[in-house]
Amino acid sequence: MSNQIISDLNQRYTVKKYDSSKRISSEDLTTILEALRLSASSINSQPWKFVVVESDSAKQRLHDTFANKHQFNQLHAKEASHTILFAYDPKFTKEKFVKRVDAEVASGHLPEAMRDSFMGAYAFAEANTDENGYNGAWTKAQVYLAFGNLLHTLARLGIASTPMEGVDADLIGELFSEELDGHVCEVALALGYADEEQDWNHGLPKARLPMEDVITVV
């Protein structure tokens, strides 16, 4: 298949070793962050916060969060150009949704006259909220929409990445508490450029199930 999108996705893989001397350009980083901001979410809830780990001091903090477990990912904290912490709001309230609806109106996407009726969309969140106000399973699902969007964006830009569910949510919550502001990070994405000589995963053939095993057209 000659489509450029398919070519880009065939080239992307999970990097195991980064070249710490290579940095993502400010232009590409701007594109990455804007693509992240434009990610889709149910009812445009955007119940997330993305923390971009860029400075040496922040990288050291991230490195320290691997003190107790998942040390196989620890080297990425300092060697990758950047790491993005994907965090969800465990208690996404109706009051928080108001801010999103107001943004809809301000952008011109939603007519002012429809503001109150659109507030009814919060029922999707309510259906996934327990008696304690927790709806983290639903908001975490929204984070993965942004995660997938960014993986595709990086593939198009030719920037390498490593999805990491192997992170310590408790230590990240402690060492990045100010930045997370009550959000919970259980997945992160390292990004940069592979050390092609030392990355054992580089250049290996793509391994996916056949199309007929995963896609049914009816």
C-alpha atoms as a PDB file:
ATOM      1  CA  MET A   1       0.000   0.000   0.000  1.00  0.00           C
ATOM      2  CA  SER A   2       1.517   3.309  -1.094  1.00  0.00           C
ATOM      3  CA  ASN A   3      -0.487   5.727   1.078  1.00  0.00           C
ATOM      4  CA  GLN A   4       1.835   7.969   3.116  1.00  0.00           C
ATOM      5  CA  ILE A   5      -0.203   7.475   6.295  1.00  0.00           C
ATOM      6  CA  ILE A   6       0.267   3.703   6.089  1.00  0.00           C
ATOM      7  CA  SER A   7       3.955   4.142   5.350  1.00  0.00           C
ATOM      8  CA  ASP A   8       4.371   6.369   8.424  1.00  0.00           C
ATOM      9  CA  LEU A   9       2.507   3.943  10.679  1.00  0.00           C
ATOM     10  CA  ASN A  10       4.538   1.012   9.396  1.00  0.00           C
ATOM     11  CA  GLN A  11       7.688   2.890  10.384  1.00  0.00           C
ATOM     12  CA  ARG A  12       6.602   3.679  13.959  1.00  0.00           C
ATOM     13  CA  TYR A  13       7.582   1.277  16.709  1.00  0.00           C
ATOM     14  CA  THR A  14       8.276   1.313  20.444  1.00  0.00           C
ATOM     15  CA  VAL A  15      11.779   2.660  21.013  1.00  0.00           C
ATOM     16  CA  LYS A  16      13.922   0.876  23.589  1.00  0.00           C
ATOM     17  CA  LYS A  17      16.954   3.197  23.537  1.00  0.00           C
ATOM     18  CA  TYR A  18      17.078   6.934  22.783  1.00  0.00           C
ATOM     19  CA  ASP A  19      19.893   9.103  21.496  1.00  0.00           C
ATOM     20  CA  SER A  20      20.131  11.645  24.319  1.00  0.00           C
ATOM     21  CA  SER A  21      22.060  14.087  22.115  1.00  0.00           C
ATOM     22  CA  LYS A  22      19.097  14.643  19.794  1.00  0.00           C
ATOM     23  CA  ARG A  23      16.306  17.048  20.715  1.00  0.00           C
ATOM     24  CA  ILE A  24      12.909  17.694  19.200  1.00  0.00           C
ATOM     25  CA  SER A  25      12.864  21.093  17.513  1.00  0.00           C
ATOM     26  CA  SER A  26      10.727  23.872  18.952  1.00  0.00           C
ATOM     27  CA  GLU A  27       8.722  23.908  15.718  1.00  0.00           C
ATOM     28  CA  ASP A  28       7.916  20.208  15.932  1.00  0.00           C
ATOM     29  CA  LEU A  29       7.166  20.474  19.643  1.00  0.00           C
ATOM     30  CA  THR A  30       4.664  23.240  18.935  1.00  0.00           C
ATOM     31  CA  THR A  31       2.952  20.982  16.384  1.00  0.00           C
ATOM     32  CA  ILE A  32       2.939  18.073  18.839  1.00  0.00           C
ATOM     33  CA  LEU A  33       1.355  20.090  21.626  1.00  0.00           C
ATOM     34  CA  GLU A  34      -1.254  21.642  19.361  1.00  0.00           C
ATOM     35  CA  ALA A  35      -2.182  18.203  18.013  1.00  0.00           C
ATOM     36  CA  LEU A  36      -2.534  17.038  21.599  1.00  0.00           C
ATOM     37  CA  ARG A  37      -4.770  20.001  22.450  1.00  0.00           C
ATOM     38  CA  LEU A  38      -6.977  19.227  19.448  1.00  0.00           C
ATOM     39  CA  SER A  39      -7.602  15.627  20.515  1.00  0.00           C
ATOM     40  CA  ALA A  40     -11.162  14.364  20.543  1.00  0.00           C
ATOM     41  CA  SER A  41     -13.045  13.442  23.719  1.00  0.00           C
ATOM     42  CA  SER A  42     -16.567  12.385  24.600  1.00  0.00           C
ATOM     43  CA  ILE A  43     -18.897  15.421  24.803  1.00  0.00           C
ATOM     44  CA  ASN A  44     -15.745  17.527  24.290  1.00  0.00           C
ATOM     45  CA  SER A  45     -15.102  16.948  27.990  1.00  0.00           C
ATOM     46  CA  GLN A  46     -11.296  17.229  27.785  1.00  0.00           C
ATOM     47  CA  PRO A  47     -10.980  15.799  31.326  1.00  0.00           C
ATOM     48  CA  TRP A  48      -7.210  15.747  31.198  1.00  0.00           C
ATOM     49  CA  LYS A  49      -3.933  17.431  31.871  1.00  0.00           C
ATOM     50  CA  PHE A  50      -0.723  16.869  29.926  1.00  0.00           C
ATOM     51  CA  VAL A  51       2.567  17.548  31.683  1.00  0.00           C
ATOM     52  CA  VAL A  52       5.536  17.971  29.334  1.00  0.00           C
ATOM     53  CA  VAL A  53       8.787  16.895  30.959  1.00  0.00           C
ATOM     54  CA  GLU A  54      11.495  18.909  29.227  1.00  0.00           C
ATOM     55  CA  SER A  55      13.995  20.457  31.664  1.00  0.00           C
ATOM     56  CA  ASP A  56      16.850  18.536  33.263  1.00  0.00           C
ATOM     57  CA  SER A  57      15.346  19.073  36.703  1.00  0.00           C
ATOM     58  CA  ALA A  58      11.958  17.709  35.623  1.00  0.00           C
ATOM     59  CA  LYS A  59      13.672  14.749  33.956  1.00  0.00           C
ATOM     60  CA  GLN A  60      15.431  14.024  37.228  1.00  0.00           C
ATOM     61  CA  ARG A  61      12.099  14.063  39.054  1.00  0.00           C
ATOM     62  CA  LEU A  62      10.641  11.686  36.479  1.00  0.00           C
ATOM     63  CA  HIS A  63      13.709   9.465  36.806  1.00  0.00           C
ATOM     64  CA  ASP A  64      13.122   9.364  40.568  1.00  0.00           C
ATOM     65  CA  THR A  65       9.556   8.107  40.127  1.00  0.00           C
ATOM     66  CA  PHE A  66      10.980   4.772  38.974  1.00  0.00           C
ATOM     67  CA  ALA A  67      12.634   4.136  42.347  1.00  0.00           C
ATOM     68  CA  ASN A  68      10.304   1.306  43.328  1.00  0.00           C
ATOM     69  CA  LYS A  69       9.210  -0.369  40.097  1.00  0.00           C
ATOM     70  CA  HIS A  70       9.246  -0.370  36.304  1.00  0.00           C
ATOM     71  CA  GLN A  71      12.970   0.365  36.171  1.00  0.00           C
ATOM     72  CA  PHE A  72      13.020  -0.935  32.567  1.00  0.00           C
ATOM     73  CA  ASN A  73      11.506   2.429  31.577  1.00  0.00           C
ATOM     74  CA  GLN A  74      13.701   4.545  33.827  1.00  0.00           C
ATOM     75  CA  LEU A  75      16.405   5.241  31.257  1.00  0.00           C
ATOM     76  CA  HIS A  76      13.889   6.978  29.001  1.00  0.00           C
ATOM     77  CA  ALA A  77      13.288   9.637  31.657  1.00  0.00           C
ATOM     78  CA  LYS A  78      16.646  11.257  30.954  1.00  0.00           C
ATOM     79  CA  GLU A  79      17.555   9.989  27.501  1.00  0.00           C
ATOM     80  CA  ALA A  80      14.363  10.846  25.614  1.00  0.00           C
ATOM     81  CA  SER A  81      14.070  14.380  24.311  1.00  0.00           C
ATOM     82  CA  HIS A  82      10.750  14.830  26.130  1.00  0.00           C
ATOM     83  CA  THR A  83       8.245  12.772  28.065  1.00  0.00           C
ATOM     84  CA  ILE A  84       4.567  13.636  28.310  1.00  0.00           C
ATOM     85  CA  LEU A  85       2.542  12.599  31.343  1.00  0.00           C
ATOM     86  CA  PHE A  86      -1.058  11.853  30.387  1.00  0.00           C
ATOM     87  CA  ALA A  87      -3.301  12.480  33.386  1.00  0.00           C
ATOM     88  CA  TYR A  88      -7.047  12.174  33.873  1.00  0.00           C
ATOM     89  CA  ASP A  89      -9.430  13.970  36.201  1.00  0.00           C
ATOM     90  CA  PRO A  90     -10.832  11.348  38.607  1.00  0.00           C
ATOM     91  CA  LYS A  91     -13.765  13.561  39.531  1.00  0.00           C
ATOM     92  CA  PHE A  92     -14.957  15.439  36.471  1.00  0.00           C
ATOM     93  CA  THR A  93     -17.864  17.512  37.773  1.00  0.00           C
ATOM     94  CA  LYS A  94     -20.670  19.335  36.035  1.00  0.00           C
ATOM     95  CA  GLU A  95     -19.107  22.609  37.168  1.00  0.00           C
ATOM     96  CA  LYS A  96     -15.942  21.679  35.262  1.00  0.00           C
ATOM     97  CA  PHE A  97     -17.993  20.805  32.203  1.00  0.00           C
ATOM     98  CA  VAL A  98     -19.415  24.343  32.227  1.00  0.00           C
ATOM     99  CA  LYS A  99     -15.952  25.654  31.293  1.00  0.00           C
ATOM    100  CA  ARG A 100     -15.923  23.400  28.217  1.00  0.00           C
ATOM    101  CA  VAL A 101     -19.417  24.476  27.186  1.00  0.00           C
ATOM    102  CA  ASP A 102     -18.477  28.132  27.572  1.00  0.00           C
ATOM    103  CA  ALA A 103     -15.480  27.492  25.308  1.00  0.00           C
ATOM    104  CA  GLU A 104     -17.861  25.969  22.748  1.00  0.00           C
ATOM    105  CA  VAL A 105     -19.934  29.146  22.799  1.00  0.00           C
ATOM    106  CA  ALA A 106     -16.945  31.497  22.753  1.00  0.00           C
ATOM    107  CA  SER A 107     -15.456  29.721  19.724  1.00  0.00           C
ATOM    108  CA  GLY A 108     -18.667  30.140  17.751  1.00  0.00           C
ATOM    109  CA  HIS A 109     -19.077  26.379  17.494  1.00  0.00           C
ATOM    110  CA  LEU A 110     -22.142  26.355  19.761  1.00  0.00           C
ATOM    111  CA  PRO A 111     -24.846  29.030  19.477  1.00  0.00           C
ATOM    112  CA  GLU A 112     -25.514  30.803  22.763  1.00  0.00           C
ATOM    113  CA  ALA A 113     -29.169  29.791  22.519  1.00  0.00           C
ATOM    114  CA  MET A 114     -28.140  26.122  22.647  1.00  0.00           C
ATOM    115  CA  ARG A 115     -25.874  26.448  25.671  1.00  0.00           C
ATOM    116  CA  ASP A 116     -28.344  25.153  28.253  1.00  0.00           C
ATOM    117  CA  SER A 117     -29.449  22.224  26.113  1.00  0.00           C
ATOM    118  CA  PHE A 118     -25.836  21.198  25.456  1.00  0.00           C
ATOM    119  CA  MET A 119     -25.254  21.076  29.207  1.00  0.00           C
ATOM    120  CA  GLY A 120     -27.486  18.008  29.098  1.00  0.00           C
ATOM    121  CA  ALA A 121     -24.609  16.142  27.454  1.00  0.00           C
ATOM    122  CA  TYR A 122     -23.076  15.857  30.918  1.00  0.00           C
ATOM    123  CA  ALA A 123     -25.424  12.881  31.334  1.00  0.00           C
ATOM    124  CA  PHE A 124     -22.694  10.816  29.648  1.00  0.00           C
ATOM    125  CA  ALA A 125     -20.368  11.626  32.539  1.00  0.00           C
ATOM    126  CA  GLU A 126     -23.092  11.137  35.144  1.00  0.00           C
ATOM    127  CA  ALA A 127     -23.770   7.643  33.794  1.00  0.00           C
ATOM    128  CA  ASN A 128     -20.156   6.794  34.619  1.00  0.00           C
ATOM    129  CA  THR A 129     -19.973   8.509  38.024  1.00  0.00           C
ATOM    130  CA  ASP A 130     -20.340   6.572  41.271  1.00  0.00           C
ATOM    131  CA  GLU A 131     -21.861   7.683  44.557  1.00  0.00           C
ATOM    132  CA  ASN A 132     -18.542   9.225  45.607  1.00  0.00           C
ATOM    133  CA  GLY A 133     -18.257  11.372  42.506  1.00  0.00           C
ATOM    134  CA  TYR A 134     -15.568   9.173  40.948  1.00  0.00           C
ATOM    135  CA  ASN A 135     -15.651   8.835  37.168  1.00  0.00           C
ATOM    136  CA  GLY A 136     -11.984   8.087  36.569  1.00  0.00           C
ATOM    137  CA  ALA A 137     -12.611   5.004  34.426  1.00  0.00           C
ATOM    138  CA  TRP A 138     -14.519   7.188  31.961  1.00  0.00           C
ATOM    139  CA  THR A 139     -12.095  10.119  32.008  1.00  0.00           C
ATOM    140  CA  LYS A 140      -9.091   7.802  31.671  1.00  0.00           C
ATOM    141  CA  ALA A 141     -10.683   6.416  28.511  1.00  0.00           C
ATOM    142  CA  GLN A 142     -10.709   9.948  27.086  1.00  0.00           C
ATOM    143  CA  VAL A 143      -6.979  10.251  27.800  1.00  0.00           C
ATOM    144  CA  TYR A 144      -6.330   7.247  25.560  1.00  0.00           C
ATOM    145  CA  LEU A 145      -8.067   9.020  22.677  1.00  0.00           C
ATOM    146  CA  ALA A 146      -5.464  11.768  23.021  1.00  0.00           C
ATOM    147  CA  PHE A 147      -2.721   9.175  23.414  1.00  0.00           C
ATOM    148  CA  GLY A 148      -3.594   7.462  20.142  1.00  0.00           C
ATOM    149  CA  ASN A 149      -3.895  10.789  18.353  1.00  0.00           C
ATOM    150  CA  LEU A 150      -0.402  11.753  19.466  1.00  0.00           C
ATOM    151  CA  LEU A 151       1.127   8.423  18.429  1.00  0.00           C
ATOM    152  CA  HIS A 152      -0.187   9.041  14.918  1.00  0.00           C
ATOM    153  CA  THR A 153       1.025  12.638  14.932  1.00  0.00           C
ATOM    154  CA  LEU A 154       4.522  11.558  15.943  1.00  0.00           C
ATOM    155  CA  ALA A 155       4.569   8.917  13.220  1.00  0.00           C
ATOM    156  CA  ARG A 156       3.725  11.572  10.645  1.00  0.00           C
ATOM    157  CA  LEU A 157       6.516  13.797  11.975  1.00  0.00           C
ATOM    158  CA  GLY A 158       9.069  10.991  11.981  1.00  0.00           C
ATOM    159  CA  ILE A 159       9.593  11.304  15.730  1.00  0.00           C
ATOM    160  CA  ALA A 160      10.106   8.142  17.765  1.00  0.00           C
ATOM    161  CA  SER A 161       8.099   7.252  20.860  1.00  0.00           C
ATOM    162  CA  THR A 162       7.691   4.793  23.709  1.00  0.00           C
ATOM    163  CA  PRO A 163       4.244   4.281  25.301  1.00  0.00           C
ATOM    164  CA  MET A 164       4.712   3.609  29.011  1.00  0.00           C
ATOM    165  CA  GLU A 165       2.001   2.157  31.195  1.00  0.00           C
ATOM    166  CA  GLY A 166       4.942   0.956  33.249  1.00  0.00           C
ATOM    167  CA  VAL A 167       4.989   4.015  35.494  1.00  0.00           C
ATOM    168  CA  ASP A 168       4.453   4.512  39.216  1.00  0.00           C
ATOM    169  CA  ALA A 169       1.255   6.539  39.479  1.00  0.00           C
ATOM    170  CA  ASP A 170       1.727   7.085  43.215  1.00  0.00           C
ATOM    171  CA  LEU A 171       5.239   8.513  42.943  1.00  0.00           C
ATOM    172  CA  ILE A 172       4.351  10.565  39.888  1.00  0.00           C
ATOM    173  CA  GLY A 173       1.416  11.956  41.813  1.00  0.00           C
ATOM    174  CA  GLU A 174       3.742  12.854  44.675  1.00  0.00           C
ATOM    175  CA  LEU A 175       6.661  14.333  42.726  1.00  0.00           C
ATOM    176  CA  PHE A 176       4.507  16.132  40.151  1.00  0.00           C
ATOM    177  CA  SER A 177       1.625  17.042  42.453  1.00  0.00           C
ATOM    178  CA  GLU A 178       1.741  20.748  41.643  1.00  0.00           C
ATOM    179  CA  GLU A 179       1.670  20.219  37.896  1.00  0.00           C
ATOM    180  CA  LEU A 180      -0.981  17.506  38.012  1.00  0.00           C
ATOM    181  CA  ASP A 181      -3.337  19.569  40.176  1.00  0.00           C
ATOM    182  CA  GLY A 182      -5.422  16.613  41.324  1.00  0.00           C
ATOM    183  CA  HIS A 183      -5.195  14.672  38.069  1.00  0.00           C
ATOM    184  CA  VAL A 184      -3.911  11.091  37.981  1.00  0.00           C
ATOM    185  CA  CYS A 185      -1.133   9.912  35.664  1.00  0.00           C
ATOM    186  CA  GLU A 186      -1.047   6.190  34.903  1.00  0.00           C
ATOM    187  CA  VAL A 187       0.503   6.360  31.443  1.00  0.00           C
ATOM    188  CA  ALA A 188       3.274   8.406  29.863  1.00  0.00           C
ATOM    189  CA  LEU A 189       4.862   8.783  26.442  1.00  0.00           C
ATOM    190  CA  ALA A 190       8.584   9.223  25.883  1.00  0.00           C
ATOM    191  CA  LEU A 191       9.518  10.853  22.582  1.00  0.00           C
ATOM    192  CA  GLY A 192      12.630  11.771  20.687  1.00  0.00           C
ATOM    193  CA  TYR A 193      15.034   9.964  18.369  1.00  0.00           C
ATOM    194  CA  ALA A 194      16.211   6.380  18.636  1.00  0.00           C
ATOM    195  CA  ASP A 195      19.798   5.348  19.142  1.00  0.00           C
ATOM    196  CA  GLU A 196      19.608   3.096  16.108  1.00  0.00           C
ATOM    197  CA  GLU A 197      22.774   1.157  16.961  1.00  0.00           C
ATOM    198  CA  GLN A 198      21.780   0.314  20.547  1.00  0.00           C
ATOM    199  CA  ASP A 199      17.994   0.087  20.168  1.00  0.00           C
ATOM    200  CA  TRP A 200      17.360  -3.638  19.751  1.00  0.00           C
ATOM    201  CA  ASN A 201      13.810  -2.981  18.512  1.00  0.00           C
ATOM    202  CA  HIS A 202      14.885  -0.729  15.657  1.00  0.00           C
ATOM    203  CA  GLY A 203      14.372  -2.001  12.107  1.00  0.00           C
ATOM    204  CA  LEU A 204      12.477  -5.155  13.020  1.00  0.00           C
ATOM    205  CA  PRO A 205       9.509  -6.125  10.834  1.00  0.00           C
ATOM    206  CA  LYS A 206       6.035  -4.989  11.853  1.00  0.00           C
ATOM    207  CA  ALA A 207       4.065  -7.623  13.780  1.00  0.00           C
ATOM    208  CA  ARG A 208       0.295  -7.298  13.542  1.00  0.00           C
ATOM    209  CA  LEU A 209      -2.530  -9.797  13.118  1.00  0.00           C
ATOM    210  CA  PRO A 210      -3.913 -10.225   9.596  1.00  0.00           C
ATOM    211  CA  MET A 211      -6.656  -7.779   8.640  1.00  0.00           C
ATOM    212  CA  GLU A 212      -9.262 -10.536   8.398  1.00  0.00           C
ATOM    213  CA  ASP A 213      -8.610 -11.463  12.040  1.00  0.00           C
ATOM    214  CA  VAL A 214      -9.373  -8.005  13.413  1.00  0.00           C
ATOM    215  CA  ILE A 215     -11.668  -6.268  10.911  1.00  0.00           C
ATOM    216  CA  THR A 216     -15.099  -7.419   9.773  1.00  0.00           C
ATOM    217  CA  VAL A 217     -16.918  -5.497   7.078  1.00  0.00           C
ATOM    218  CA  VAL A 218     -20.693  -6.063   7.110  1.00  0.00           C
END
